[in-house]
Amino acid sequence: MPAESTAISITLNQQTVETGNATLQQVLAEHGWQQGRFVVVVNDNIVPKASHSTFQLTAGDCIDVLSPISGG
């Protein structure tokens, strides 16, 4: 039986997007978040950068990508 990729709906920075059965790292790369300094929060939990490649997304996940802001 061949493996089929099923599209799931997730929210990325308040935008609903459809993606295949993917890891967090794959979705970030698809949307231009490959390099730079940023923090990723999935369902109100910070996901360490070391876990992005193994963090499996599921339908309904809410992902926020936040850039640090410097200031005084």
N, C-alpha and C. Protein backbone atom coordinates (compact mmCIF):
# COMPACT_ATOMS: atom_id res chain seq x y z
N MET A 1 0.85 -1.17 0.00
CA MET A 1 0.00 0.00 0.00
C MET A 1 0.90 1.24 0.00
N PRO A 2 0.83 2.08 -1.01
CA PRO A 2 1.70 3.26 -1.07
C PRO A 2 1.30 4.30 -0.04
N ALA A 3 2.30 4.99 0.49
CA ALA A 3 2.04 6.06 1.45
C ALA A 3 1.51 7.28 0.70
N GLU A 4 0.46 7.84 1.22
CA GLU A 4 -0.13 9.01 0.59
C GLU A 4 0.05 10.20 1.50
N SER A 5 0.35 11.34 0.90
CA SER A 5 0.49 12.57 1.67
C SER A 5 -0.88 13.22 1.79
N THR A 6 -1.33 13.39 3.00
CA THR A 6 -2.62 14.00 3.25
C THR A 6 -2.41 15.44 3.66
N ALA A 7 -3.12 16.34 3.00
CA ALA A 7 -3.01 17.76 3.33
C ALA A 7 -3.68 18.03 4.67
N ILE A 8 -3.01 18.86 5.47
CA ILE A 8 -3.58 19.28 6.74
C ILE A 8 -3.63 20.80 6.75
N SER A 9 -4.52 21.34 7.53
CA SER A 9 -4.66 22.78 7.68
C SER A 9 -4.04 23.21 9.00
N ILE A 10 -3.12 24.18 8.92
CA ILE A 10 -2.48 24.74 10.11
C ILE A 10 -2.57 26.26 10.03
N THR A 11 -2.26 26.91 11.12
CA THR A 11 -2.21 28.37 11.14
C THR A 11 -0.76 28.78 11.34
N LEU A 12 -0.25 29.58 10.41
CA LEU A 12 1.12 30.06 10.46
C LEU A 12 1.08 31.58 10.49
N ASN A 13 1.50 32.15 11.62
CA ASN A 13 1.46 33.62 11.80
C ASN A 13 0.10 34.19 11.43
N GLN A 14 -0.95 33.59 11.95
CA GLN A 14 -2.33 34.01 11.82
C GLN A 14 -2.91 33.85 10.42
N GLN A 15 -2.22 33.07 9.56
CA GLN A 15 -2.72 32.77 8.22
C GLN A 15 -2.95 31.27 8.12
N THR A 16 -4.10 30.86 7.64
CA THR A 16 -4.38 29.44 7.45
C THR A 16 -3.66 28.97 6.20
N VAL A 17 -2.90 27.89 6.33
CA VAL A 17 -2.18 27.31 5.20
C VAL A 17 -2.42 25.81 5.17
N GLU A 18 -2.35 25.26 3.97
CA GLU A 18 -2.46 23.81 3.79
C GLU A 18 -1.06 23.28 3.55
N THR A 19 -0.75 22.17 4.15
CA THR A 19 0.56 21.55 3.97
C THR A 19 0.39 20.04 3.99
N GLY A 20 1.39 19.36 3.47
CA GLY A 20 1.38 17.91 3.53
C GLY A 20 1.78 17.46 4.93
N ASN A 21 1.84 16.20 5.13
CA ASN A 21 2.27 15.64 6.41
C ASN A 21 3.75 16.00 6.57
N ALA A 22 4.03 17.05 7.31
CA ALA A 22 5.38 17.62 7.31
C ALA A 22 5.89 17.90 8.72
N THR A 23 7.21 18.06 8.78
CA THR A 23 7.82 18.48 10.03
C THR A 23 7.79 20.01 10.10
N LEU A 24 8.02 20.51 11.27
CA LEU A 24 8.07 21.96 11.48
C LEU A 24 9.14 22.58 10.59
N GLN A 25 10.31 21.96 10.50
CA GLN A 25 11.40 22.50 9.69
C GLN A 25 11.00 22.60 8.21
N GLN A 26 10.29 21.62 7.69
CA GLN A 26 9.86 21.64 6.29
C GLN A 26 8.89 22.79 6.04
N VAL A 27 7.94 22.99 6.94
CA VAL A 27 6.97 24.07 6.76
C VAL A 27 7.65 25.43 6.87
N LEU A 28 8.57 25.57 7.83
CA LEU A 28 9.29 26.84 7.95
C LEU A 28 10.07 27.13 6.67
N ALA A 29 10.74 26.13 6.12
CA ALA A 29 11.52 26.32 4.89
C ALA A 29 10.62 26.71 3.71
N GLU A 30 9.44 26.08 3.62
CA GLU A 30 8.50 26.40 2.55
C GLU A 30 8.07 27.86 2.58
N HIS A 31 8.11 28.46 3.76
CA HIS A 31 7.63 29.83 3.92
C HIS A 31 8.76 30.82 4.19
N GLY A 32 9.99 30.42 3.86
CA GLY A 32 11.12 31.33 3.91
C GLY A 32 11.81 31.51 5.24
N TRP A 33 11.49 30.67 6.20
CA TRP A 33 12.11 30.76 7.52
C TRP A 33 13.21 29.71 7.66
N GLN A 34 14.32 29.90 6.95
CA GLN A 34 15.41 28.93 6.99
C GLN A 34 16.60 29.46 7.77
N GLN A 35 16.85 30.74 7.67
CA GLN A 35 18.02 31.32 8.30
C GLN A 35 17.60 32.52 9.12
N GLY A 36 18.46 32.90 10.00
CA GLY A 36 18.18 34.07 10.82
C GLY A 36 17.81 33.69 12.24
N ARG A 37 17.58 34.72 13.00
CA ARG A 37 17.22 34.51 14.41
C ARG A 37 15.72 34.65 14.57
N PHE A 38 15.11 33.59 15.04
CA PHE A 38 13.67 33.61 15.30
C PHE A 38 13.33 32.51 16.30
N VAL A 39 12.21 32.68 16.94
CA VAL A 39 11.69 31.70 17.90
C VAL A 39 10.39 31.16 17.33
N VAL A 40 10.18 29.86 17.46
CA VAL A 40 8.95 29.25 16.96
C VAL A 40 8.13 28.76 18.14
N VAL A 41 6.86 29.15 18.14
CA VAL A 41 5.91 28.74 19.17
C VAL A 41 4.81 27.94 18.49
N VAL A 42 4.59 26.72 18.95
CA VAL A 42 3.52 25.88 18.42
C VAL A 42 2.54 25.61 19.55
N ASN A 43 1.31 26.02 19.34
CA ASN A 43 0.25 25.82 20.35
C ASN A 43 0.69 26.33 21.72
N ASP A 44 1.26 27.52 21.75
CA ASP A 44 1.69 28.21 22.97
C ASP A 44 2.90 27.58 23.65
N ASN A 45 3.63 26.72 22.97
CA ASN A 45 4.84 26.12 23.51
C ASN A 45 6.03 26.42 22.60
N ILE A 46 7.11 26.93 23.17
CA ILE A 46 8.32 27.18 22.39
C ILE A 46 8.92 25.85 21.97
N VAL A 47 9.25 25.74 20.68
CA VAL A 47 9.90 24.54 20.16
C VAL A 47 11.37 24.88 19.91
N PRO A 48 12.29 24.24 20.62
CA PRO A 48 13.72 24.53 20.42
C PRO A 48 14.15 24.25 18.99
N LYS A 49 15.08 25.07 18.48
CA LYS A 49 15.55 24.93 17.11
C LYS A 49 16.06 23.51 16.83
N ALA A 50 16.68 22.87 17.82
CA ALA A 50 17.20 21.51 17.64
C ALA A 50 16.08 20.49 17.37
N SER A 51 14.85 20.83 17.71
CA SER A 51 13.72 19.91 17.53
C SER A 51 12.91 20.18 16.26
N HIS A 52 13.22 21.23 15.53
CA HIS A 52 12.43 21.59 14.35
C HIS A 52 12.37 20.46 13.32
N SER A 53 13.49 19.74 13.14
CA SER A 53 13.53 18.71 12.09
C SER A 53 12.73 17.46 12.45
N THR A 54 12.43 17.26 13.71
CA THR A 54 11.69 16.07 14.12
C THR A 54 10.29 16.37 14.64
N PHE A 55 9.95 17.65 14.79
CA PHE A 55 8.65 18.03 15.33
C PHE A 55 7.59 17.84 14.25
N GLN A 56 6.71 16.86 14.44
CA GLN A 56 5.68 16.52 13.47
C GLN A 56 4.45 17.39 13.69
N LEU A 57 4.01 18.06 12.65
CA LEU A 57 2.82 18.91 12.74
C LEU A 57 1.56 18.08 12.54
N THR A 58 0.48 18.52 13.18
CA THR A 58 -0.81 17.87 13.03
C THR A 58 -1.85 18.93 12.67
N ALA A 59 -2.96 18.48 12.13
CA ALA A 59 -4.03 19.39 11.72
C ALA A 59 -4.45 20.27 12.90
N GLY A 60 -4.61 21.55 12.61
CA GLY A 60 -5.07 22.49 13.62
C GLY A 60 -3.97 23.15 14.42
N ASP A 61 -2.71 22.74 14.21
CA ASP A 61 -1.61 23.38 14.95
C ASP A 61 -1.56 24.87 14.62
N CYS A 62 -1.23 25.65 15.64
CA CYS A 62 -1.09 27.10 15.50
C CYS A 62 0.38 27.44 15.72
N ILE A 63 1.02 27.95 14.67
CA ILE A 63 2.45 28.24 14.70
C ILE A 63 2.67 29.74 14.61
N ASP A 64 3.47 30.27 15.52
CA ASP A 64 3.86 31.67 15.48
C ASP A 64 5.37 31.73 15.38
N VAL A 65 5.88 32.46 14.38
CA VAL A 65 7.31 32.67 14.22
C VAL A 65 7.60 34.10 14.64
N LEU A 66 8.43 34.24 15.67
CA LEU A 66 8.69 35.54 16.27
C LEU A 66 10.15 35.92 16.10
N SER A 67 10.38 37.16 15.68
CA SER A 67 11.74 37.69 15.57
C SER A 67 12.05 38.50 16.82
N PRO A 68 13.28 38.36 17.33
CA PRO A 68 13.63 39.14 18.51
C PRO A 68 13.70 40.64 18.17
N ILE A 69 13.34 41.46 19.13
CA ILE A 69 13.37 42.91 18.96
C ILE A 69 14.31 43.48 20.00
N SER A 70 15.26 44.25 19.53
CA SER A 70 16.20 44.90 20.45
C SER A 70 15.68 46.26 20.82
N GLY A 71 16.00 46.67 22.01
CA GLY A 71 15.56 47.98 22.43
C GLY A 71 16.03 48.26 23.84
N GLY A 72 15.70 49.44 24.27
CA GLY A 72 16.14 49.81 25.61
C GLY A 72 15.06 50.30 26.47
